[in-house]
C-alpha atoms as a PDB file:
ATOM      1  CA  LEU A   1     155.930 123.859 200.999  1.00  0.00           C
ATOM      2  CA  GLU A   2     157.829 120.954 201.420  1.00  0.00           C
ATOM      3  CA  LEU A   3     158.283 121.937 205.354  1.00  0.00           C
ATOM      4  CA  LEU A   4     154.491 122.218 205.305  1.00  0.00           C
ATOM      5  CA  ARG A   5     154.572 118.713 204.662  1.00  0.00           C
ATOM      6  CA  ARG A   6     152.877 119.673 201.168  1.00  0.00           C
ATOM      7  CA  GLU A   7     155.591 117.345 199.050  1.00  0.00           C
ATOM      8  CA  ASP A   8     152.663 117.361 195.909  1.00  0.00           C
ATOM      9  CA  ASP A   9     152.777 121.070 195.682  1.00  0.00           C
ATOM     10  CA  ALA A  10     156.270 121.198 196.039  1.00  0.00           C
ATOM     11  CA  GLN A  11     157.004 118.583 193.220  1.00  0.00           C
ATOM     12  CA  LYS A  12     154.376 120.828 191.083  1.00  0.00           C
ATOM     13  CA  VAL A  13     156.594 124.284 191.830  1.00  0.00           C
ATOM     14  CA  LEU A  14     159.606 122.428 191.107  1.00  0.00           C
ATOM     15  CA  ASN A  15     158.225 120.872 187.788  1.00  0.00           C
ATOM     16  CA  GLN A  16     157.054 124.748 186.837  1.00  0.00           C
ATOM     17  CA  ILE A  17     160.515 126.128 187.776  1.00  0.00           C
ATOM     18  CA  GLN A  18     162.310 122.708 185.609  1.00  0.00           C
ATOM     19  CA  ALA A  19     159.705 123.450 182.801  1.00  0.00           C
ATOM     20  CA  ARG A  20     160.241 127.669 182.612  1.00  0.00           C
ATOM     21  CA  TRP A  21     164.369 127.028 183.137  1.00  0.00           C
ATOM     22  CA  PRO A  22     165.036 123.862 181.676  1.00  0.00           C
ATOM     23  CA  ASN A  23     168.861 124.104 182.054  1.00  0.00           C
ATOM     24  CA  TRP A  24     169.226 125.320 185.595  1.00  0.00           C
ATOM     25  CA  ASP A  25     171.060 122.933 187.608  1.00  0.00           C
ATOM     26  CA  ARG A  26     169.973 124.206 190.982  1.00  0.00           C
ATOM     27  CA  ALA A  27     166.212 122.979 189.980  1.00  0.00           C
ATOM     28  CA  TYR A  28     166.863 119.493 189.449  1.00  0.00           C
ATOM     29  CA  GLN A  29     169.692 119.667 192.866  1.00  0.00           C
ATOM     30  CA  LEU A  30     166.790 120.642 195.069  1.00  0.00           C
ATOM     31  CA  LYS A  31     164.080 118.125 193.406  1.00  0.00           C
ATOM     32  CA  GLY A  32     166.760 115.146 193.975  1.00  0.00           C
ATOM     33  CA  ILE A  33     167.757 116.489 197.681  1.00  0.00           C
ATOM     34  CA  LEU A  34     163.627 116.287 198.108  1.00  0.00           C
ATOM     35  CA  LEU A  35     163.047 113.023 196.684  1.00  0.00           C
ATOM     36  CA  GLU A  36     165.800 111.675 198.800  1.00  0.00           C
ATOM     37  CA  ILE A  37     164.477 113.643 202.344  1.00  0.00           C
ATOM     38  CA  GLN A  38     161.469 111.765 201.054  1.00  0.00           C
ATOM     39  CA  LEU A  39     163.134 108.285 201.158  1.00  0.00           C
ATOM     40  CA  LYS A  40     163.151 107.717 197.453  1.00  0.00           C
ATOM     41  CA  SER A  41     166.527 107.319 196.513  1.00  0.00           C
ATOM     42  CA  SER A  42     165.881 105.272 193.580  1.00  0.00           C
ATOM     43  CA  GLU A  43     163.944 108.378 192.230  1.00  0.00           C
ATOM     44  CA  ALA A  44     166.347 110.927 193.960  1.00  0.00           C
ATOM     45  CA  ARG A  45     169.904 109.520 192.487  1.00  0.00           C
ATOM     46  CA  PRO A  46     169.044 109.976 188.473  1.00  0.00           C
ATOM     47  CA  VAL A  47     168.079 113.447 189.150  1.00  0.00           C
ATOM     48  CA  LEU A  48     170.601 114.144 191.192  1.00  0.00           C
ATOM     49  CA  GLU A  49     173.089 113.093 188.546  1.00  0.00           C
ATOM     50  CA  LYS A  50     171.622 114.892 185.730  1.00  0.00           C
ATOM     51  CA  ALA A  51     171.732 118.015 187.941  1.00  0.00           C
ATOM     52  CA  ILE A  52     175.522 117.186 188.262  1.00  0.00           C
ATOM     53  CA  ALA A  53     175.592 116.305 184.758  1.00  0.00           C
ATOM     54  CA  MET A  54     173.989 120.139 184.094  1.00  0.00           C
ATOM     55  CA  GLY A  55     177.279 121.760 186.227  1.00  0.00           C
ATOM     56  CA  ALA A  56     175.853 121.275 189.901  1.00  0.00           C
ATOM     57  CA  ASN A  57     178.848 121.532 192.114  1.00  0.00           C
ATOM     58  CA  THR A  58     177.981 121.835 195.552  1.00  0.00           C
ATOM     59  CA  PRO A  59     179.027 119.475 198.365  1.00  0.00           C
ATOM     60  CA  GLU A  60     175.454 119.082 198.992  1.00  0.00           C
ATOM     61  CA  VAL A  61     174.625 117.449 195.778  1.00  0.00           C
ATOM     62  CA  TYR A  62     177.236 114.850 196.080  1.00  0.00           C
ATOM     63  CA  TYR A  63     176.254 114.448 199.634  1.00  0.00           C
ATOM     64  CA  TYR A  64     172.402 113.425 198.798  1.00  0.00           C
ATOM     65  CA  GLU A  65     173.882 111.408 195.720  1.00  0.00           C
ATOM     66  CA  ALA A  66     176.280 109.135 198.101  1.00  0.00           C
ATOM     67  CA  LEU A  67     173.110 108.991 200.290  1.00  0.00           C
ATOM     68  CA  ALA A  68     170.625 108.151 197.695  1.00  0.00           C
ATOM     69  CA  ILE A  69     173.425 105.505 196.533  1.00  0.00           C
ATOM     70  CA  THR A  70     173.771 104.043 199.793  1.00  0.00           C
ATOM     71  CA  HIS A  71     169.783 103.719 200.461  1.00  0.00           C
ATOM     72  CA  ALA A  72     169.098 102.661 197.182  1.00  0.00           C
ATOM     73  CA  ASN A  73     172.038 100.356 196.462  1.00  0.00           C
ATOM     74  CA  PRO A  74     173.440  99.902 199.677  1.00  0.00           C
ATOM     75  CA  ASP A  75     176.094  97.035 198.277  1.00  0.00           C
ATOM     76  CA  ASN A  76     177.305 100.355 195.544  1.00  0.00           C
ATOM     77  CA  LEU A  77     179.799 101.498 197.941  1.00  0.00           C
ATOM     78  CA  ASP A  78     182.044 102.201 195.223  1.00  0.00           C
ATOM     79  CA  ASP A  79     179.927 105.148 193.903  1.00  0.00           C
ATOM     80  CA  ALA A  80     178.856 105.956 196.943  1.00  0.00           C
ATOM     81  CA  GLN A  81     182.529 106.694 197.843  1.00  0.00           C
ATOM     82  CA  LYS A  82     183.168 108.307 194.442  1.00  0.00           C
ATOM     83  CA  ALA A  83     180.149 110.954 195.428  1.00  0.00           C
ATOM     84  CA  ILE A  84     180.878 111.103 199.286  1.00  0.00           C
ATOM     85  CA  ASP A  85     184.379 112.070 197.887  1.00  0.00           C
ATOM     86  CA  HIS A  86     183.449 114.682 195.641  1.00  0.00           C
ATOM     87  CA  ALA A  87     181.683 116.373 198.412  1.00  0.00           C
ATOM     88  CA  LEU A  88     184.705 116.177 201.065  1.00  0.00           C
ATOM     89  CA  ALA A  89     186.636 117.818 198.401  1.00  0.00           C
ATOM     90  CA  LEU A  90     184.056 120.862 198.488  1.00  0.00           C
ATOM     91  CA  THR A  91     183.393 120.823 202.414  1.00  0.00           C
ATOM     92  CA  SER A  92     186.135 120.465 205.183  1.00  0.00           C
ATOM     93  CA  THR A  93     183.000 121.726 207.785  1.00  0.00           C
ATOM     94  CA  ASP A  94     180.179 119.477 207.154  1.00  0.00           C
ATOM     95  CA  PRO A  95     180.129 116.950 209.798  1.00  0.00           C
ATOM     96  CA  TYR A  96     177.416 115.111 208.131  1.00  0.00           C
ATOM     97  CA  ALA A  97     179.348 114.309 205.352  1.00  0.00           C
ATOM     98  CA  PHE A  98     182.430 113.309 207.003  1.00  0.00           C
ATOM     99  CA  VAL A  99     179.788 110.504 209.193  1.00  0.00           C
ATOM    100  CA  LEU A 100     178.346 109.324 205.851  1.00  0.00           C
ATOM    101  CA  ALA A 101     182.103 108.923 204.624  1.00  0.00           C
ATOM    102  CA  GLY A 102     182.782 107.060 207.932  1.00  0.00           C
ATOM    103  CA  LYS A 103     179.615 104.551 207.171  1.00  0.00           C
ATOM    104  CA  ILE A 104     180.637 103.703 203.815  1.00  0.00           C
ATOM    105  CA  ALA A 105     184.219 103.324 204.891  1.00  0.00           C
ATOM    106  CA  LEU A 106     182.494 100.438 208.000  1.00  0.00           C
ATOM    107  CA  GLY A 107     181.068  99.424 204.713  1.00  0.00           C
ATOM    108  CA  LYS A 108     183.906  98.385 202.954  1.00  0.00           C
ATOM    109  CA  ARG A 109     185.509  96.813 206.240  1.00  0.00           C
ATOM    110  CA  ASP A 110     188.091  99.708 205.979  1.00  0.00           C
ATOM    111  CA  TYR A 111     188.268 100.684 209.637  1.00  0.00           C
ATOM    112  CA  THR A 112     191.305 102.852 210.206  1.00  0.00           C
ATOM    113  CA  LYS A 113     189.086 105.524 207.537  1.00  0.00           C
ATOM    114  CA  ALA A 114     186.139 105.047 209.234  1.00  0.00           C
ATOM    115  CA  MET A 115     187.675 106.209 212.470  1.00  0.00           C
ATOM    116  CA  GLN A 116     189.489 108.753 210.801  1.00  0.00           C
ATOM    117  CA  TYR A 117     186.063 109.886 209.250  1.00  0.00           C
ATOM    118  CA  MET A 118     184.318 109.641 212.533  1.00  0.00           C
ATOM    119  CA  LEU A 119     186.523 111.689 214.495  1.00  0.00           C
ATOM    120  CA  SER A 120     186.637 114.312 211.797  1.00  0.00           C
ATOM    121  CA  ALA A 121     182.731 114.795 212.354  1.00  0.00           C
ATOM    122  CA  ARG A 122     183.232 114.669 216.234  1.00  0.00           C
ATOM    123  CA  ARG A 123     186.044 117.439 215.920  1.00  0.00           C
ATOM    124  CA  LEU A 124     183.348 119.340 214.222  1.00  0.00           C
ATOM    125  CA  GLN A 125     180.393 118.482 216.320  1.00  0.00           C
ATOM    126  CA  PRO A 126     181.230 116.943 219.284  1.00  0.00           C
ATOM    127  CA  THR A 127     177.455 115.833 219.934  1.00  0.00           C
ATOM    128  CA  LEU A 128     176.459 114.331 216.931  1.00  0.00           C
ATOM    129  CA  ILE A 129     175.608 111.047 218.247  1.00  0.00           C
ATOM    130  CA  PRO A 130     175.997 109.082 214.796  1.00  0.00           C
ATOM    131  CA  ALA A 131     179.499 109.778 214.944  1.00  0.00           C
ATOM    132  CA  HIS A 132     179.799 108.222 217.739  1.00  0.00           C
ATOM    133  CA  TYR A 133     178.189 105.156 217.087  1.00  0.00           C
ATOM    134  CA  GLY A 134     180.333 104.808 214.093  1.00  0.00           C
ATOM    135  CA  LEU A 135     183.283 105.225 216.267  1.00  0.00           C
ATOM    136  CA  ARG A 136     182.424 102.371 218.558  1.00  0.00           C
ATOM    137  CA  ASP A 137     181.858 100.382 215.686  1.00  0.00           C
ATOM    138  CA  ALA A 138     185.153 100.964 214.034  1.00  0.00           C
ATOM    139  CA  TYR A 139     186.631 100.550 217.264  1.00  0.00           C
ATOM    140  CA  LYS A 140     185.071  97.290 217.908  1.00  0.00           C
ATOM    141  CA  ALA A 141     186.154  96.115 214.923  1.00  0.00           C
ATOM    142  CA  LEU A 142     189.626  97.042 215.343  1.00  0.00           C
ATOM    143  CA  GLY A 143     189.583  94.945 218.760  1.00  0.00           C
ATOM    144  CA  GLU A 144     189.868  98.416 220.927  1.00  0.00           C
ATOM    145  CA  GLU A 145     187.242  96.936 223.125  1.00  0.00           C
ATOM    146  CA  ARG A 146     187.908 100.074 225.780  1.00  0.00           C
ATOM    147  CA  LYS A 147     187.410 102.988 223.221  1.00  0.00           C
ATOM    148  CA  SER A 148     184.411 101.019 221.983  1.00  0.00           C
ATOM    149  CA  ALA A 149     182.822 101.086 225.324  1.00  0.00           C
ATOM    150  CA  ALA A 150     183.568 104.769 226.215  1.00  0.00           C
ATOM    151  CA  GLU A 151     181.881 105.876 223.164  1.00  0.00           C
ATOM    152  CA  MET A 152     178.798 104.153 224.042  1.00  0.00           C
ATOM    153  CA  GLU A 153     178.916 105.236 227.071  1.00  0.00           C
ATOM    154  CA  GLU A 154     179.005 109.182 225.898  1.00  0.00           C
ATOM    155  CA  ILE A 155     176.314 108.205 223.578  1.00  0.00           C
ATOM    156  CA  LYS A 156     173.806 107.052 226.316  1.00  0.00           C
ATOM    157  CA  ARG A 157     175.575 110.749 228.293  1.00  0.00           C
ATOM    158  CA  LEU A 158     174.246 112.488 224.848  1.00  0.00           C
ATOM    159  CA  THR A 159     171.569 110.390 224.520  1.00  0.00           C
ATOM    160  CA  ALA A 160     170.394 111.653 228.045  1.00  0.00           C
ATOM    161  CA  LEU A 161     170.900 115.262 227.006  1.00  0.00           C
ATOM    162  CA  GLY A 162     168.827 115.167 223.884  1.00  0.00           C
ATOM    163  CA  SER A 163     171.662 115.796 221.356  1.00  0.00           C
ATOM    164  CA  PRO A 164     171.123 115.046 217.707  1.00  0.00           C
ATOM    165  CA  GLY A 165     170.534 111.856 216.755  1.00  0.00           C
ATOM    166  CA  VAL A 166     169.976 112.276 213.134  1.00  0.00           C
END
């Protein structure tokens, strides 16, 4: 229903599932993820936290919690860091989790760590444009202008090819 842009119907079905199985964390996890995808971050965070409190322990729930924190309260980088650290502890193959970890590190001005996260994301998915943007920013902050410029050239090349730009 969400993919069909029937958000209200999707929420109604989730509410019915939650009413029928009130202790099932997956319904809350999905509801929180959908709220964050709809850019309702302030609403998503408590729902995701409830899912976690109920036992949800997936990389996705922590990734979306970190994302909701960065959107709803961009200055709360410590809580976002904790959430993304949980996600990364549960997966080593999700380039988007590494990109988000890199963005959080950039926000904390930990450029070396940001660079490491972005390099991991790029290794996992070489065409992921946000990883290249993060690397460009980290290199620039570290004074490595040549590497920063090289990342910008790679971004232009990938954009021309139609690579993912999420």
